Amino acid sequence: MANIGTFTTTKHCSIGLNKTLVHSINARFERVENSSENGWQFRVFSGSVD
């Protein structure tokens, strides 16, 4: 599997730098509560955009 970034994990989220050939983006992955087994597990934020 390819390594696409470096992240630090906290109790509620992972914060780090997502780096590809085209983009270099600071991102935050926050765990979300969901009632569906097939629903999203994380929400991704970059700056003020989710």
PDB file of N, CA and C in Angstrom:
ATOM      1  N   MET A   1       0.842  -1.175   0.000  1.00  0.00           N
ATOM      2  CA  MET A   1       0.000   0.000   0.000  1.00  0.00           C
ATOM      3  C   MET A   1       0.887   1.238   0.000  1.00  0.00           C
ATOM      4  N   ALA A   2       0.478   2.222  -0.727  1.00  0.00           N
ATOM      5  CA  ALA A   2       1.248   3.462  -0.837  1.00  0.00           C
ATOM      6  C   ALA A   2       1.071   4.327   0.403  1.00  0.00           C
ATOM      7  N   ASN A   3       2.093   5.046   0.763  1.00  0.00           N
ATOM      8  CA  ASN A   3       2.047   6.000   1.859  1.00  0.00           C
ATOM      9  C   ASN A   3       1.705   7.363   1.268  1.00  0.00           C
ATOM     10  N   ILE A   4       0.565   7.939   1.672  1.00  0.00           N
ATOM     11  CA  ILE A   4       0.124   9.214   1.081  1.00  0.00           C
ATOM     12  C   ILE A   4       0.284  10.385   2.024  1.00  0.00           C
ATOM     13  N   GLY A   5       0.816  10.148   3.221  1.00  0.00           N
ATOM     14  CA  GLY A   5       0.971  11.272   4.131  1.00  0.00           C
ATOM     15  C   GLY A   5       1.481  10.858   5.483  1.00  0.00           C
ATOM     16  N   THR A   6       1.655  11.857   6.333  1.00  0.00           N
ATOM     17  CA  THR A   6       2.100  11.654   7.701  1.00  0.00           C
ATOM     18  C   THR A   6       1.039  12.225   8.617  1.00  0.00           C
ATOM     19  N   PHE A   7       0.531  11.397   9.539  1.00  0.00           N
ATOM     20  CA  PHE A   7      -0.557  11.817  10.407  1.00  0.00           C
ATOM     21  C   PHE A   7      -0.239  11.521  11.864  1.00  0.00           C
ATOM     22  N   THR A   8      -0.756  12.370  12.741  1.00  0.00           N
ATOM     23  CA  THR A   8      -0.669  12.175  14.182  1.00  0.00           C
ATOM     24  C   THR A   8      -2.071  11.899  14.688  1.00  0.00           C
ATOM     25  N   THR A   9      -2.227  10.831  15.463  1.00  0.00           N
ATOM     26  CA  THR A   9      -3.537  10.436  15.952  1.00  0.00           C
ATOM     27  C   THR A   9      -3.752  10.937  17.372  1.00  0.00           C
ATOM     28  N   THR A  10      -4.922  11.556  17.588  1.00  0.00           N
ATOM     29  CA  THR A  10      -5.346  11.966  18.922  1.00  0.00           C
ATOM     30  C   THR A  10      -6.545  11.102  19.309  1.00  0.00           C
ATOM     31  N   LYS A  11      -7.170  11.427  20.420  1.00  0.00           N
ATOM     32  CA  LYS A  11      -8.309  10.631  20.888  1.00  0.00           C
ATOM     33  C   LYS A  11      -9.496  10.689  19.928  1.00  0.00           C
ATOM     34  N   HIS A  12      -9.726  11.850  19.294  1.00  0.00           N
ATOM     35  CA  HIS A  12     -10.916  12.035  18.466  1.00  0.00           C
ATOM     36  C   HIS A  12     -10.649  12.185  16.977  1.00  0.00           C
ATOM     37  N   CYS A  13      -9.387  12.402  16.577  1.00  0.00           N
ATOM     38  CA  CYS A  13      -9.120  12.650  15.164  1.00  0.00           C
ATOM     39  C   CYS A  13      -7.672  12.339  14.814  1.00  0.00           C
ATOM     40  N   SER A  14      -7.398  12.388  13.518  1.00  0.00           N
ATOM     41  CA  SER A  14      -6.032  12.285  12.998  1.00  0.00           C
ATOM     42  C   SER A  14      -5.745  13.555  12.213  1.00  0.00           C
ATOM     43  N   ILE A  15      -4.586  14.156  12.449  1.00  0.00           N
ATOM     44  CA  ILE A  15      -4.206  15.410  11.810  1.00  0.00           C
ATOM     45  C   ILE A  15      -2.884  15.200  11.106  1.00  0.00           C
ATOM     46  N   GLY A  16      -2.782  15.694   9.870  1.00  0.00           N
ATOM     47  CA  GLY A  16      -1.510  15.550   9.188  1.00  0.00           C
ATOM     48  C   GLY A  16      -1.482  16.131   7.803  1.00  0.00           C
ATOM     49  N   LEU A  17      -0.441  15.766   7.072  1.00  0.00           N
ATOM     50  CA  LEU A  17      -0.198  16.259   5.729  1.00  0.00           C
ATOM     51  C   LEU A  17      -0.448  15.142   4.729  1.00  0.00           C
ATOM     52  N   ASN A  18      -1.373  15.366   3.801  1.00  0.00           N
ATOM     53  CA  ASN A  18      -1.681  14.428   2.731  1.00  0.00           C
ATOM     54  C   ASN A  18      -0.941  14.912   1.499  1.00  0.00           C
ATOM     55  N   LYS A  19       0.004  14.107   1.011  1.00  0.00           N
ATOM     56  CA  LYS A  19       0.865  14.559  -0.080  1.00  0.00           C
ATOM     57  C   LYS A  19       0.794  13.576  -1.242  1.00  0.00           C
ATOM     58  N   THR A  20       0.424  14.087  -2.428  1.00  0.00           N
ATOM     59  CA  THR A  20       0.405  13.289  -3.651  1.00  0.00           C
ATOM     60  C   THR A  20       1.276  13.996  -4.691  1.00  0.00           C
ATOM     61  N   LEU A  21       1.313  13.467  -5.880  1.00  0.00           N
ATOM     62  CA  LEU A  21       2.088  14.107  -6.939  1.00  0.00           C
ATOM     63  C   LEU A  21       1.528  15.471  -7.317  1.00  0.00           C
ATOM     64  N   VAL A  22       0.222  15.655  -7.149  1.00  0.00           N
ATOM     65  CA  VAL A  22      -0.439  16.886  -7.580  1.00  0.00           C
ATOM     66  C   VAL A  22      -0.722  17.838  -6.421  1.00  0.00           C
ATOM     67  N   HIS A  23      -1.075  17.310  -5.236  1.00  0.00           N
ATOM     68  CA  HIS A  23      -1.533  18.136  -4.126  1.00  0.00           C
ATOM     69  C   HIS A  23      -0.701  17.894  -2.873  1.00  0.00           C
ATOM     70  N   SER A  24      -0.634  18.897  -2.055  1.00  0.00           N
ATOM     71  CA  SER A  24      -0.059  18.815  -0.717  1.00  0.00           C
ATOM     72  C   SER A  24      -1.036  19.534   0.206  1.00  0.00           C
ATOM     73  N   ILE A  25      -1.797  18.784   1.011  1.00  0.00           N
ATOM     74  CA  ILE A  25      -2.920  19.344   1.757  1.00  0.00           C
ATOM     75  C   ILE A  25      -2.812  18.963   3.232  1.00  0.00           C
ATOM     76  N   ASN A  26      -2.984  19.950   4.116  1.00  0.00           N
ATOM     77  CA  ASN A  26      -3.138  19.663   5.540  1.00  0.00           C
ATOM     78  C   ASN A  26      -4.570  19.212   5.754  1.00  0.00           C
ATOM     79  N   ALA A  27      -4.743  18.074   6.396  1.00  0.00           N
ATOM     80  CA  ALA A  27      -6.076  17.510   6.562  1.00  0.00           C
ATOM     81  C   ALA A  27      -6.294  17.033   7.986  1.00  0.00           C
ATOM     82  N   ARG A  28      -7.567  16.977   8.369  1.00  0.00           N
ATOM     83  CA  ARG A  28      -7.964  16.455   9.674  1.00  0.00           C
ATOM     84  C   ARG A  28      -9.088  15.447   9.458  1.00  0.00           C
ATOM     85  N   PHE A  29      -8.906  14.225   9.932  1.00  0.00           N
ATOM     86  CA  PHE A  29      -9.911  13.177   9.834  1.00  0.00           C
ATOM     87  C   PHE A  29     -10.560  13.027  11.200  1.00  0.00           C
ATOM     88  N   GLU A  30     -11.866  13.332  11.287  1.00  0.00           N
ATOM     89  CA  GLU A  30     -12.586  13.226  12.552  1.00  0.00           C
ATOM     90  C   GLU A  30     -13.581  12.077  12.485  1.00  0.00           C
ATOM     91  N   ARG A  31     -13.587  11.263  13.537  1.00  0.00           N
ATOM     92  CA  ARG A  31     -14.524  10.150  13.613  1.00  0.00           C
ATOM     93  C   ARG A  31     -15.929  10.693  13.850  1.00  0.00           C
ATOM     94  N   VAL A  32     -16.926  10.122  13.167  1.00  0.00           N
ATOM     95  CA  VAL A  32     -18.309  10.539  13.331  1.00  0.00           C
ATOM     96  C   VAL A  32     -19.125   9.370  13.864  1.00  0.00           C
ATOM     97  N   GLU A  33     -20.139   9.699  14.631  1.00  0.00           N
ATOM     98  CA  GLU A  33     -21.074   8.688  15.118  1.00  0.00           C
ATOM     99  C   GLU A  33     -22.119   8.447  14.044  1.00  0.00           C
ATOM    100  N   ASN A  34     -22.385   7.200  13.723  1.00  0.00           N
ATOM    101  CA  ASN A  34     -23.413   6.903  12.724  1.00  0.00           C
ATOM    102  C   ASN A  34     -24.246   5.724  13.187  1.00  0.00           C
ATOM    103  N   SER A  35     -25.481   5.675  12.729  1.00  0.00           N
ATOM    104  CA  SER A  35     -26.391   4.602  13.132  1.00  0.00           C
ATOM    105  C   SER A  35     -26.409   3.465  12.126  1.00  0.00           C
ATOM    106  N   SER A  36     -25.751   3.629  10.994  1.00  0.00           N
ATOM    107  CA  SER A  36     -25.738   2.625   9.940  1.00  0.00           C
ATOM    108  C   SER A  36     -24.382   1.930   9.892  1.00  0.00           C
ATOM    109  N   GLU A  37     -24.382   0.639   9.672  1.00  0.00           N
ATOM    110  CA  GLU A  37     -23.133  -0.113   9.565  1.00  0.00           C
ATOM    111  C   GLU A  37     -22.356   0.278   8.310  1.00  0.00           C
ATOM    112  N   ASN A  38     -23.062   0.685   7.252  1.00  0.00           N
ATOM    113  CA  ASN A  38     -22.426   1.026   5.980  1.00  0.00           C
ATOM    114  C   ASN A  38     -22.183   2.518   5.797  1.00  0.00           C
ATOM    115  N   GLY A  39     -22.438   3.306   6.826  1.00  0.00           N
ATOM    116  CA  GLY A  39     -22.265   4.753   6.715  1.00  0.00           C
ATOM    117  C   GLY A  39     -20.812   5.170   6.864  1.00  0.00           C
ATOM    118  N   TRP A  40     -20.567   6.469   6.718  1.00  0.00           N
ATOM    119  CA  TRP A  40     -19.224   7.019   6.832  1.00  0.00           C
ATOM    120  C   TRP A  40     -18.713   6.879   8.250  1.00  0.00           C
ATOM    121  N   GLN A  41     -17.441   6.573   8.417  1.00  0.00           N
ATOM    122  CA  GLN A  41     -16.814   6.454   9.721  1.00  0.00           C
ATOM    123  C   GLN A  41     -16.021   7.717  10.089  1.00  0.00           C
ATOM    124  N   PHE A  42     -15.581   8.478   9.063  1.00  0.00           N
ATOM    125  CA  PHE A  42     -14.767   9.659   9.287  1.00  0.00           C
ATOM    126  C   PHE A  42     -15.261  10.814   8.431  1.00  0.00           C
ATOM    127  N   ARG A  43     -14.992  12.025   8.866  1.00  0.00           N
ATOM    128  CA  ARG A  43     -15.246  13.229   8.097  1.00  0.00           C
ATOM    129  C   ARG A  43     -13.904  13.910   7.897  1.00  0.00           C
ATOM    130  N   VAL A  44     -13.620  14.374   6.679  1.00  0.00           N
ATOM    131  CA  VAL A  44     -12.331  14.956   6.344  1.00  0.00           C
ATOM    132  C   VAL A  44     -12.467  16.466   6.242  1.00  0.00           C
ATOM    133  N   PHE A  45     -11.569  17.201   6.929  1.00  0.00           N
ATOM    134  CA  PHE A  45     -11.552  18.657   6.907  1.00  0.00           C
ATOM    135  C   PHE A  45     -10.210  19.124   6.376  1.00  0.00           C
ATOM    136  N   SER A  46     -10.238  20.162   5.557  1.00  0.00           N
ATOM    137  CA  SER A  46      -9.023  20.824   5.082  1.00  0.00           C
ATOM    138  C   SER A  46      -9.261  22.311   5.158  1.00  0.00           C
ATOM    139  N   GLY A  47      -8.671  22.967   6.128  1.00  0.00           N
ATOM    140  CA  GLY A  47      -8.957  24.383   6.357  1.00  0.00           C
ATOM    141  C   GLY A  47     -10.367  24.531   6.875  1.00  0.00           C
ATOM    142  N   SER A  48     -11.182  25.352   6.249  1.00  0.00           N
ATOM    143  CA  SER A  48     -12.572  25.527   6.668  1.00  0.00           C
ATOM    144  C   SER A  48     -13.529  24.712   5.811  1.00  0.00           C
ATOM    145  N   VAL A  49     -13.013  23.812   4.982  1.00  0.00           N
ATOM    146  CA  VAL A  49     -13.835  23.004   4.066  1.00  0.00           C
ATOM    147  C   VAL A  49     -13.898  21.577   4.560  1.00  0.00           C
ATOM    148  N   ASP A  50     -15.101  20.961   4.481  1.00  0.00           N
ATOM    149  CA  ASP A  50     -15.224  19.545   4.836  1.00  0.00           C
ATOM    150  C   ASP A  50     -15.746  18.746   3.685  1.00  0.00           C
TER     151      ASP A  50
END
